[in-house]
Amino acid sequence: MSKNTSPYYAAGTLLNTYLQHRNRGLKSIAFDSGGNNVPSSSSYATVAKTIQHLPAINSILNADNKKLSKAIDFDSYKNKGLAYVMIYELLFSKFQKIRGGGQIKRMIVKHEKELRREADEYTSKNPSLGDPSSNFPRYVRVNVMHST
C-alpha cells in the first residue's frame, strides 16, 4: 500500500505538524492551510483521539527502561506521527487493529502482546482512560417545553 493511500498517512502527517508546533491548537493547524491540504474528518478525529491518548502511549513505550520503544525501533522512524496513530489504533480504538500495512505496522504487530500487556497495566493504574462512562456528559439540559 502506498504512503499516500494509507488510511493513516494524512493523520500521521497532521500529528507530526501538531507535535512540532504544540503552541498552536490542532484545529488551527488542520484548517488554516488555506483549503489546500484540509484533512478528512476521519483523519482529524483520529488525530484528536491520538492526542488524548498520547501520555498513555508514551508511558507504554517508555515502560521498563524504554524496552518497547527500543524493540519497535521507535526513535528511527521519520514519521513518528504515523507510528503514534498506528499504536493508538491497535490499543485504544474501537476495532483495536491496524488497517493497511507497511514496515511500521509489521514492527508494531510483532510486539503486539507486549504492547497490550503494558496498555492493560497502564489502564489498571489509570482507570479513567478505559472507562467508557467517562465519555458521557456530566450535565444534561432537558427542554421541558417539548417533552410530553
Protein backbone atom coordinates (compact mmCIF):
# COMPACT_ATOMS: atom_id res chain seq x y z
CA MET A 1 0.00 0.00 0.00
CA SER A 2 1.38 3.36 -0.99
CA LYS A 3 2.14 6.01 1.61
CA ASN A 4 -0.43 8.42 0.24
CA THR A 5 -3.25 5.87 0.14
CA SER A 6 -2.71 4.58 3.65
CA PRO A 7 -5.64 5.42 5.93
CA TYR A 8 -3.13 6.68 8.49
CA TYR A 9 -0.80 8.77 6.33
CA ALA A 10 -2.82 12.01 6.47
CA ALA A 11 -3.40 11.55 10.21
CA GLY A 12 0.31 10.89 10.80
CA THR A 13 1.30 13.99 8.84
CA LEU A 14 -1.17 16.13 10.76
CA LEU A 15 0.06 14.71 14.09
CA ASN A 16 3.69 15.40 13.13
CA THR A 17 2.79 19.02 12.43
CA TYR A 18 0.97 19.25 15.75
CA LEU A 19 3.92 17.75 17.64
CA GLN A 20 6.30 20.28 16.04
CA HIS A 21 4.01 23.26 16.80
CA ARG A 22 2.49 22.45 20.19
CA ASN A 23 1.84 26.11 20.90
CA ARG A 24 -0.90 26.05 18.22
CA GLY A 25 -4.11 24.11 18.50
CA LEU A 26 -4.95 21.12 16.37
CA LYS A 27 -7.88 22.88 14.73
CA SER A 28 -5.78 25.87 13.71
CA ILE A 29 -3.08 23.61 12.27
CA ALA A 30 -5.58 21.49 10.37
CA PHE A 31 -7.78 24.21 8.90
CA ASP A 32 -5.50 27.24 8.50
CA SER A 33 -3.79 25.83 5.42
CA GLY A 34 -5.96 27.89 3.10
CA GLY A 35 -8.03 24.97 1.90
CA ASN A 36 -5.19 23.20 0.11
CA ASN A 37 -4.45 20.33 2.47
CA VAL A 38 -7.51 20.17 4.70
CA PRO A 39 -7.60 16.70 6.28
CA SER A 40 -10.64 14.47 6.13
CA SER A 41 -12.91 14.38 9.14
CA SER A 42 -11.83 10.83 9.95
CA SER A 43 -8.15 11.84 9.91
CA TYR A 44 -8.88 14.82 12.13
CA ALA A 45 -10.87 12.67 14.58
CA THR A 46 -8.14 10.02 14.68
CA VAL A 47 -5.50 12.64 15.45
CA ALA A 48 -7.68 14.22 18.15
CA LYS A 49 -8.15 10.83 19.85
CA THR A 50 -4.45 10.01 19.46
CA ILE A 51 -3.52 13.29 21.16
CA GLN A 52 -5.86 12.41 24.05
CA HIS A 53 -4.05 9.09 24.46
CA LEU A 54 -0.54 10.42 23.82
CA PRO A 55 0.51 10.37 27.51
CA ALA A 56 -0.64 6.75 27.75
CA ILE A 57 1.18 5.77 24.55
CA ASN A 58 4.38 7.46 25.71
CA SER A 59 4.11 5.77 29.09
CA ILE A 60 3.60 2.38 27.43
CA LEU A 61 6.57 2.88 25.11
CA ASN A 62 8.83 4.14 27.90
CA ALA A 63 7.95 1.43 30.45
CA ASP A 64 10.73 -0.88 31.63
CA ASN A 65 13.56 1.43 30.58
CA LYS A 66 12.13 2.06 27.07
CA LYS A 67 12.08 -1.66 26.28
CA LEU A 68 9.17 -1.45 23.82
CA SER A 69 10.41 1.77 22.25
CA LYS A 70 13.72 0.07 21.51
CA ALA A 71 12.06 -3.16 20.33
CA ILE A 72 9.80 -1.31 17.90
CA ASP A 73 12.76 0.92 16.95
CA PHE A 74 10.51 3.95 17.50
CA ASP A 75 13.28 6.56 17.51
CA SER A 76 14.44 5.65 13.99
CA TYR A 77 11.10 6.48 12.32
CA LYS A 78 10.95 9.69 10.32
CA ASN A 79 7.15 9.76 10.61
CA LYS A 80 6.62 9.40 14.36
CA GLY A 81 3.06 10.68 14.00
CA LEU A 82 2.22 7.69 11.84
CA ALA A 83 3.64 5.34 14.47
CA TYR A 84 1.64 7.08 17.22
CA VAL A 85 -1.57 6.82 15.18
CA MET A 86 -1.00 3.12 14.49
CA ILE A 87 -0.28 2.37 18.15
CA TYR A 88 -3.43 4.25 19.12
CA GLU A 89 -5.47 2.26 16.60
CA LEU A 90 -4.05 -1.03 17.89
CA LEU A 91 -4.50 -0.34 21.60
CA PHE A 92 -7.32 2.14 22.15
CA SER A 93 -9.54 2.42 19.07
CA LYS A 94 -12.94 0.82 18.62
CA PHE A 95 -11.75 -2.12 16.49
CA GLN A 96 -8.26 -2.45 18.04
CA LYS A 97 -6.47 -3.42 14.85
CA ILE A 98 -4.33 -1.68 12.28
CA ARG A 99 -5.68 -1.40 8.75
CA GLY A 100 -3.21 -1.29 5.90
CA GLY A 101 0.40 -2.36 6.01
CA GLY A 102 3.98 -1.31 5.86
CA GLN A 103 7.18 -1.53 7.84
CA ILE A 104 5.88 0.37 10.87
CA LYS A 105 2.82 -1.89 11.11
CA ARG A 106 4.98 -5.03 10.91
CA MET A 107 7.20 -3.82 13.76
CA ILE A 108 4.22 -2.82 15.91
CA VAL A 109 2.28 -6.05 15.30
CA LYS A 110 5.44 -8.07 16.02
CA HIS A 111 5.35 -6.70 19.58
CA GLU A 112 1.56 -6.57 19.94
CA LYS A 113 1.40 -8.83 23.01
CA GLU A 114 3.88 -6.72 24.95
CA LEU A 115 2.11 -3.51 23.91
CA ARG A 116 -1.27 -4.86 25.02
CA ARG A 117 0.18 -6.08 28.32
CA GLU A 118 1.68 -2.66 29.06
CA ALA A 119 -1.58 -0.98 27.97
CA ASP A 120 -3.54 -3.20 30.37
CA GLU A 121 -1.16 -2.29 33.20
CA TYR A 122 -1.48 1.39 32.36
CA THR A 123 -5.29 1.30 32.26
CA SER A 124 -5.38 -0.60 35.56
CA LYS A 125 -3.35 2.22 37.13
CA ASN A 126 -5.43 4.90 35.38
CA PRO A 127 -8.99 3.57 35.26
CA SER A 128 -10.49 6.74 33.75
CA LEU A 129 -8.73 6.01 30.45
CA GLY A 130 -10.50 2.71 29.80
CA ASP A 131 -13.82 3.72 31.39
CA PRO A 132 -16.48 4.22 28.70
CA SER A 133 -18.70 6.15 31.12
CA SER A 134 -16.15 8.97 31.09
CA ASN A 135 -17.38 9.83 27.56
CA PHE A 136 -20.83 10.80 28.78
CA PRO A 137 -21.54 14.44 29.57
CA ARG A 138 -21.62 15.49 33.19
CA TYR A 139 -24.70 17.67 32.78
CA VAL A 140 -27.72 17.29 30.55
CA ARG A 141 -30.17 20.03 29.70
CA VAL A 142 -33.74 18.85 29.19
CA ASN A 143 -36.13 21.09 27.30
CA VAL A 144 -39.37 20.69 29.26
CA MET A 145 -41.36 22.64 26.68
CA HIS A 146 -41.01 19.86 24.12
CA SER A 147 -41.29 16.82 26.40
CA THR A 148 -44.64 15.13 26.80
